[in-house]
Each structure stands twice: as structure tokens, then as C-alpha cells.
Amino acid sequence: MGRVLQGRRQGDCASGFHVSSGPKPGRADRDLFDDYGVAKRGNPVKLAARVENFLLQVIVLPWGSKLVPVYAAMRVMREAAGAPLAPMDLLIAAHAKTIGATLVTSDAAFGFFSAGLQLEDWSQ
């Protein structure tokens, strides 16, 4: 996420992504995985600040029950191919697919789900 946020300003986002000018989610609306991602990288202060600023500018959509069968199908597909992905990565991909959002990632493994999952790589 650090590479994605570096040098981006509100309104500079790629297609399929919109920085909201509406109600801002508070820290209580955040998911514990946001903090996990920062902590995993040694909890650098600059990255933590960029993540915090980014999350205060967007609406974070809640998981919905419609993603459960999508997640299950995606997980079974990856496991059958002998290339499982981390459960949280699959959950995020299933969420994007369920709501018709674009998944921003530089991980080529998500190309496996080309049908119905829009991908965009901001690292290039």
C-alpha cells in the first residue's frame, strides 16, 4: 500500500476508484487488517500516517453475506489449481468481485480470477 499511496493526492486516483467527499469513516469503522498490514512492515511512522490519511478519505464498505459463496468458489478454484492464496487476500478479492469494484494489486496471482474480477496495478 505504501507504493500506491506515495505521491498520490485526492482526486489522483485511477479509474474505478473514487475518493469520497461524503461522510468520513472514523477509526472505529476500520478493520484490524489495516493495522496488521502496517505492523507487518515494521510499523513505519510514515506509512502508518499515509494509511490513516487514505482511510479517512474513502468509504470502507462492509463485508456482505453475498460474498460468502463467491469467496468459497474462488478459494476452491485456487486450491484445486494447487496455488492457494491467503484467506484474507481471497476475502478482499471476493468482496471486490461481489460489489463490482476494481481490485488494486500488483500481485499477478489474482489474474487467475480474470472472469468477473476487475484488476488494476498502480505500481507501474
C-alpha atoms as a PDB file:
ATOM      1  CA  MET A   1       0.000   0.000   0.000  1.00  0.00           C
ATOM      2  CA  GLY A   2       2.924   2.319   0.645  1.00  0.00           C
ATOM      3  CA  ARG A   3       3.938   2.319  -3.021  1.00  0.00           C
ATOM      4  CA  VAL A   4       0.365   3.024  -4.044  1.00  0.00           C
ATOM      5  CA  LEU A   5      -0.124   5.953  -1.696  1.00  0.00           C
ATOM      6  CA  GLN A   6       3.250   7.552  -2.269  1.00  0.00           C
ATOM      7  CA  GLY A   7       2.821  10.629  -4.403  1.00  0.00           C
ATOM      8  CA  ARG A   8      -0.965  10.342  -4.789  1.00  0.00           C
ATOM      9  CA  ARG A   9      -3.290  13.179  -3.902  1.00  0.00           C
ATOM     10  CA  GLN A  10      -7.044  13.326  -3.507  1.00  0.00           C
ATOM     11  CA  GLY A  11      -8.539  13.154  -6.982  1.00  0.00           C
ATOM     12  CA  ASP A  12      -5.437  11.484  -8.488  1.00  0.00           C
ATOM     13  CA  CYS A  13      -6.922   8.024  -8.206  1.00  0.00           C
ATOM     14  CA  ALA A  14      -7.084   5.611 -11.122  1.00  0.00           C
ATOM     15  CA  SER A  15     -10.240   4.559 -12.907  1.00  0.00           C
ATOM     16  CA  GLY A  16     -12.798   2.667 -10.869  1.00  0.00           C
ATOM     17  CA  PHE A  17     -11.786   4.393  -7.640  1.00  0.00           C
ATOM     18  CA  HIS A  18     -13.284   7.464  -6.108  1.00  0.00           C
ATOM     19  CA  VAL A  19     -12.083   9.430  -3.119  1.00  0.00           C
ATOM     20  CA  SER A  20     -15.241  10.306  -1.307  1.00  0.00           C
ATOM     21  CA  SER A  21     -16.197  13.815  -0.369  1.00  0.00           C
ATOM     22  CA  GLY A  22     -19.118  12.449   1.652  1.00  0.00           C
ATOM     23  CA  PRO A  23     -19.206  11.235   5.247  1.00  0.00           C
ATOM     24  CA  LYS A  24     -15.855  10.072   6.513  1.00  0.00           C
ATOM     25  CA  PRO A  25     -15.473   6.790   8.375  1.00  0.00           C
ATOM     26  CA  GLY A  26     -13.936   7.076  11.800  1.00  0.00           C
ATOM     27  CA  ARG A  27     -11.225   4.925  13.319  1.00  0.00           C
ATOM     28  CA  ALA A  28     -13.897   2.662  14.853  1.00  0.00           C
ATOM     29  CA  ASP A  29     -15.026   1.728  11.334  1.00  0.00           C
ATOM     30  CA  ARG A  30     -11.574   0.492  10.422  1.00  0.00           C
ATOM     31  CA  ASP A  31     -10.690  -3.129  10.098  1.00  0.00           C
ATOM     32  CA  LEU A  32      -7.928  -4.699  12.191  1.00  0.00           C
ATOM     33  CA  PHE A  33      -6.219  -5.799   8.985  1.00  0.00           C
ATOM     34  CA  ASP A  34      -5.338  -2.192   8.125  1.00  0.00           C
ATOM     35  CA  ASP A  35      -3.164  -2.069  11.221  1.00  0.00           C
ATOM     36  CA  TYR A  36      -1.820  -5.568  10.564  1.00  0.00           C
ATOM     37  CA  GLY A  37      -0.502  -4.514   7.166  1.00  0.00           C
ATOM     38  CA  VAL A  38       1.370  -1.574   8.668  1.00  0.00           C
ATOM     39  CA  ALA A  39       2.704  -3.617  11.588  1.00  0.00           C
ATOM     40  CA  LYS A  40       3.903  -6.329   9.204  1.00  0.00           C
ATOM     41  CA  ARG A  41       6.209  -3.785   7.592  1.00  0.00           C
ATOM     42  CA  GLY A  42       7.780  -2.828  10.888  1.00  0.00           C
ATOM     43  CA  ASN A  43       5.141  -0.187  11.681  1.00  0.00           C
ATOM     44  CA  PRO A  44       6.919   2.716   9.970  1.00  0.00           C
ATOM     45  CA  VAL A  45       5.508   6.046  11.052  1.00  0.00           C
ATOM     46  CA  LYS A  46       5.262   7.500   7.522  1.00  0.00           C
ATOM     47  CA  LEU A  47       3.362   4.501   6.143  1.00  0.00           C
ATOM     48  CA  ALA A  48       1.015   4.466   9.132  1.00  0.00           C
ATOM     49  CA  ALA A  49       0.257   8.161   8.574  1.00  0.00           C
ATOM     50  CA  ARG A  50      -0.377   7.640   4.835  1.00  0.00           C
ATOM     51  CA  VAL A  51      -2.670   4.691   5.504  1.00  0.00           C
ATOM     52  CA  GLU A  52      -4.572   6.666   8.150  1.00  0.00           C
ATOM     53  CA  ASN A  53      -4.971   9.660   5.823  1.00  0.00           C
ATOM     54  CA  PHE A  54      -6.079   7.446   2.940  1.00  0.00           C
ATOM     55  CA  LEU A  55      -8.673   5.609   5.033  1.00  0.00           C
ATOM     56  CA  LEU A  56     -10.133   8.867   6.323  1.00  0.00           C
ATOM     57  CA  GLN A  57     -10.796   9.931   2.718  1.00  0.00           C
ATOM     58  CA  VAL A  58     -12.626   6.849   1.482  1.00  0.00           C
ATOM     59  CA  ILE A  59     -15.757   4.982   2.385  1.00  0.00           C
ATOM     60  CA  VAL A  60     -14.887   1.487   3.558  1.00  0.00           C
ATOM     61  CA  LEU A  61     -17.686  -0.846   2.517  1.00  0.00           C
ATOM     62  CA  PRO A  62     -18.705  -3.601   4.948  1.00  0.00           C
ATOM     63  CA  TRP A  63     -18.474  -7.283   4.103  1.00  0.00           C
ATOM     64  CA  GLY A  64     -21.818  -8.673   2.982  1.00  0.00           C
ATOM     65  CA  SER A  65     -23.238 -12.175   3.059  1.00  0.00           C
ATOM     66  CA  LYS A  66     -23.351 -12.237  -0.758  1.00  0.00           C
ATOM     67  CA  LEU A  67     -19.571 -12.579  -0.826  1.00  0.00           C
ATOM     68  CA  VAL A  68     -19.602 -15.924   1.034  1.00  0.00           C
ATOM     69  CA  PRO A  69     -20.352 -18.163  -1.982  1.00  0.00           C
ATOM     70  CA  VAL A  70     -18.041 -16.062  -4.167  1.00  0.00           C
ATOM     71  CA  TYR A  71     -15.227 -16.467  -1.623  1.00  0.00           C
ATOM     72  CA  ALA A  72     -15.869 -20.213  -1.360  1.00  0.00           C
ATOM     73  CA  ALA A  73     -15.781 -20.701  -5.130  1.00  0.00           C
ATOM     74  CA  MET A  74     -12.603 -18.627  -5.501  1.00  0.00           C
ATOM     75  CA  ARG A  75     -10.858 -20.483  -2.681  1.00  0.00           C
ATOM     76  CA  VAL A  76     -11.803 -23.916  -4.047  1.00  0.00           C
ATOM     77  CA  MET A  77     -10.628 -22.854  -7.515  1.00  0.00           C
ATOM     78  CA  ARG A  78      -7.202 -21.748  -6.236  1.00  0.00           C
ATOM     79  CA  GLU A  79      -6.749 -24.817  -4.046  1.00  0.00           C
ATOM     80  CA  ALA A  80      -7.714 -27.134  -6.931  1.00  0.00           C
ATOM     81  CA  ALA A  81      -5.053 -25.434  -9.046  1.00  0.00           C
ATOM     82  CA  GLY A  82      -2.503 -26.131  -6.300  1.00  0.00           C
ATOM     83  CA  ALA A  83      -1.886 -22.434  -5.722  1.00  0.00           C
ATOM     84  CA  PRO A  84      -3.876 -21.269  -2.692  1.00  0.00           C
ATOM     85  CA  LEU A  85      -3.883 -17.608  -1.703  1.00  0.00           C
ATOM     86  CA  ALA A  86      -4.008 -16.217   1.816  1.00  0.00           C
ATOM     87  CA  PRO A  87      -7.593 -16.293   3.127  1.00  0.00           C
ATOM     88  CA  MET A  88      -7.660 -12.525   3.711  1.00  0.00           C
ATOM     89  CA  ASP A  89      -6.422 -11.813   0.181  1.00  0.00           C
ATOM     90  CA  LEU A  90      -9.170 -14.047  -1.191  1.00  0.00           C
ATOM     91  CA  LEU A  91     -11.757 -12.358   1.010  1.00  0.00           C
ATOM     92  CA  ILE A  92     -10.765  -8.941  -0.319  1.00  0.00           C
ATOM     93  CA  ALA A  93     -10.875 -10.231  -3.906  1.00  0.00           C
ATOM     94  CA  ALA A  94     -14.284 -11.847  -3.323  1.00  0.00           C
ATOM     95  CA  HIS A  95     -15.570  -8.589  -1.854  1.00  0.00           C
ATOM     96  CA  ALA A  96     -14.384  -6.631  -4.895  1.00  0.00           C
ATOM     97  CA  LYS A  97     -15.929  -9.162  -7.262  1.00  0.00           C
ATOM     98  CA  THR A  98     -19.235  -9.216  -5.354  1.00  0.00           C
ATOM     99  CA  ILE A  99     -19.712  -5.441  -5.434  1.00  0.00           C
ATOM    100  CA  GLY A 100     -18.233  -4.941  -8.911  1.00  0.00           C
ATOM    101  CA  ALA A 101     -15.270  -2.945  -7.619  1.00  0.00           C
ATOM    102  CA  THR A 102     -11.774  -2.851  -9.060  1.00  0.00           C
ATOM    103  CA  LEU A 103      -9.146  -4.690  -7.027  1.00  0.00           C
ATOM    104  CA  VAL A 104      -5.938  -2.661  -6.977  1.00  0.00           C
ATOM    105  CA  THR A 105      -2.990  -5.039  -6.679  1.00  0.00           C
ATOM    106  CA  SER A 106       0.394  -5.757  -8.201  1.00  0.00           C
ATOM    107  CA  ASP A 107       0.044  -9.456  -7.334  1.00  0.00           C
ATOM    108  CA  ALA A 108      -0.179 -11.403 -10.597  1.00  0.00           C
ATOM    109  CA  ALA A 109      -1.811 -14.323  -8.743  1.00  0.00           C
ATOM    110  CA  PHE A 110      -5.144 -12.502  -8.914  1.00  0.00           C
ATOM    111  CA  GLY A 111      -5.077 -12.715 -12.712  1.00  0.00           C
ATOM    112  CA  PHE A 112      -6.242 -16.290 -12.175  1.00  0.00           C
ATOM    113  CA  PHE A 113      -9.707 -14.831 -11.479  1.00  0.00           C
ATOM    114  CA  SER A 114      -9.983 -12.902 -14.722  1.00  0.00           C
ATOM    115  CA  ALA A 115     -13.708 -13.658 -15.113  1.00  0.00           C
ATOM    116  CA  GLY A 116     -15.695 -11.086 -13.180  1.00  0.00           C
ATOM    117  CA  LEU A 117     -12.826  -9.567 -11.200  1.00  0.00           C
ATOM    118  CA  GLN A 118     -11.534  -6.211 -12.420  1.00  0.00           C
ATOM    119  CA  LEU A 119      -7.850  -5.677 -11.656  1.00  0.00           C
ATOM    120  CA  GLU A 120      -5.682  -2.579 -11.741  1.00  0.00           C
ATOM    121  CA  ASP A 121      -1.981  -2.261 -10.931  1.00  0.00           C
ATOM    122  CA  TRP A 122      -0.924   1.150  -9.606  1.00  0.00           C
ATOM    123  CA  SER A 123       2.707   0.128  -9.086  1.00  0.00           C
ATOM    124  CA  GLN A 124       3.628   0.558 -12.755  1.00  0.00           C
END
